[in-house]
Amino acid sequence: MWLSRLLAGVVTLLVALAAIGSLAVLVLNALAPTTIAVLALVIVALVAMSAVGARSRRWLSNPYW
């Protein structure tokens, strides 16, 4: 159990760092054509963080999932 928590924490940290980096790139390239790609990366990072954070016992015990 502690290993899965540790792994989830590491994954969350890496995704958070990727999201922060994505936002920094977005700010630096606000007028560049790659802005849409960076926005997509940020959205994917936020969804991934939500998915990792949603793996709580209460969420997993919901019979409707």
C-alpha atoms as a PDB file:
ATOM      1  CA  MET A   1       0.000   0.000   0.000  1.00  0.00           C
ATOM      2  CA  TRP A   2       2.793   2.417   0.868  1.00  0.00           C
ATOM      3  CA  LEU A   3       4.497   1.665  -2.443  1.00  0.00           C
ATOM      4  CA  SER A   4       1.424   2.660  -4.425  1.00  0.00           C
ATOM      5  CA  ARG A   5       1.134   5.884  -2.423  1.00  0.00           C
ATOM      6  CA  LEU A   6       4.782   6.635  -3.057  1.00  0.00           C
ATOM      7  CA  LEU A   7       4.394   5.920  -6.756  1.00  0.00           C
ATOM      8  CA  ALA A   8       1.255   8.069  -6.939  1.00  0.00           C
ATOM      9  CA  GLY A   9       3.106  10.889  -5.198  1.00  0.00           C
ATOM     10  CA  VAL A  10       6.030  10.662  -7.603  1.00  0.00           C
ATOM     11  CA  VAL A  11       3.714  10.598 -10.618  1.00  0.00           C
ATOM     12  CA  THR A  12       1.749  13.556  -9.265  1.00  0.00           C
ATOM     13  CA  LEU A  13       4.958  15.501  -8.707  1.00  0.00           C
ATOM     14  CA  LEU A  14       6.203  14.769 -12.221  1.00  0.00           C
ATOM     15  CA  VAL A  15       2.882  15.738 -13.772  1.00  0.00           C
ATOM     16  CA  ALA A  16       2.801  18.940 -11.713  1.00  0.00           C
ATOM     17  CA  LEU A  17       6.303  19.824 -12.899  1.00  0.00           C
ATOM     18  CA  ALA A  18       5.271  19.143 -16.483  1.00  0.00           C
ATOM     19  CA  ALA A  19       2.211  21.351 -16.056  1.00  0.00           C
ATOM     20  CA  ILE A  20       4.286  24.190 -14.597  1.00  0.00           C
ATOM     21  CA  GLY A  21       6.757  23.861 -17.452  1.00  0.00           C
ATOM     22  CA  SER A  22       3.923  23.894 -19.937  1.00  0.00           C
ATOM     23  CA  LEU A  23       2.522  27.071 -18.444  1.00  0.00           C
ATOM     24  CA  ALA A  24       5.963  28.694 -18.575  1.00  0.00           C
ATOM     25  CA  VAL A  25       6.297  27.796 -22.251  1.00  0.00           C
ATOM     26  CA  LEU A  26       2.808  29.137 -22.879  1.00  0.00           C
ATOM     27  CA  VAL A  27       3.671  32.482 -21.307  1.00  0.00           C
ATOM     28  CA  LEU A  28       6.927  32.742 -23.255  1.00  0.00           C
ATOM     29  CA  ASN A  29       5.308  31.844 -26.568  1.00  0.00           C
ATOM     30  CA  ALA A  30       1.948  33.545 -26.204  1.00  0.00           C
ATOM     31  CA  LEU A  31       1.860  34.669 -29.825  1.00  0.00           C
ATOM     32  CA  ALA A  32       3.596  31.673 -31.409  1.00  0.00           C
ATOM     33  CA  PRO A  33       1.707  29.075 -33.452  1.00  0.00           C
ATOM     34  CA  THR A  34       2.641  26.376 -30.941  1.00  0.00           C
ATOM     35  CA  THR A  35       0.407  27.948 -28.321  1.00  0.00           C
ATOM     36  CA  ILE A  36      -2.472  25.613 -29.133  1.00  0.00           C
ATOM     37  CA  ALA A  37      -0.222  22.570 -28.734  1.00  0.00           C
ATOM     38  CA  VAL A  38       1.023  23.823 -25.381  1.00  0.00           C
ATOM     39  CA  LEU A  39      -2.527  24.488 -24.210  1.00  0.00           C
ATOM     40  CA  ALA A  40      -3.427  20.926 -25.161  1.00  0.00           C
ATOM     41  CA  LEU A  41      -0.449  19.660 -23.148  1.00  0.00           C
ATOM     42  CA  VAL A  42      -1.562  21.649 -20.109  1.00  0.00           C
ATOM     43  CA  ILE A  43      -5.080  20.256 -20.387  1.00  0.00           C
ATOM     44  CA  VAL A  44      -3.728  16.709 -20.633  1.00  0.00           C
ATOM     45  CA  ALA A  45      -1.513  17.336 -17.596  1.00  0.00           C
ATOM     46  CA  LEU A  46      -4.443  18.628 -15.556  1.00  0.00           C
ATOM     47  CA  VAL A  47      -6.583  15.647 -16.528  1.00  0.00           C
ATOM     48  CA  ALA A  48      -3.744  13.294 -15.573  1.00  0.00           C
ATOM     49  CA  MET A  49      -3.351  14.979 -12.183  1.00  0.00           C
ATOM     50  CA  SER A  50      -7.090  14.678 -11.614  1.00  0.00           C
ATOM     51  CA  ALA A  51      -7.009  10.996 -12.532  1.00  0.00           C
ATOM     52  CA  VAL A  52      -4.128  10.301 -10.141  1.00  0.00           C
ATOM     53  CA  GLY A  53      -5.812  12.269  -7.366  1.00  0.00           C
ATOM     54  CA  ALA A  54      -9.119  10.497  -7.914  1.00  0.00           C
ATOM     55  CA  ARG A  55      -7.712   7.125  -6.913  1.00  0.00           C
ATOM     56  CA  SER A  56      -8.897   7.446  -3.344  1.00  0.00           C
ATOM     57  CA  ARG A  57     -10.651   4.635  -1.509  1.00  0.00           C
ATOM     58  CA  ARG A  58     -13.902   6.545  -1.455  1.00  0.00           C
ATOM     59  CA  TRP A  59     -13.774   7.063  -5.215  1.00  0.00           C
ATOM     60  CA  LEU A  60     -12.805   3.452  -5.902  1.00  0.00           C
ATOM     61  CA  SER A  61     -15.513   2.089  -3.600  1.00  0.00           C
ATOM     62  CA  ASN A  62     -18.283   3.841  -5.542  1.00  0.00           C
ATOM     63  CA  PRO A  63     -20.344   1.026  -7.114  1.00  0.00           C
ATOM     64  CA  TYR A  64     -21.314   3.198 -10.079  1.00  0.00           C
ATOM     65  CA  TRP A  65     -17.792   3.358 -11.510  1.00  0.00           C
END
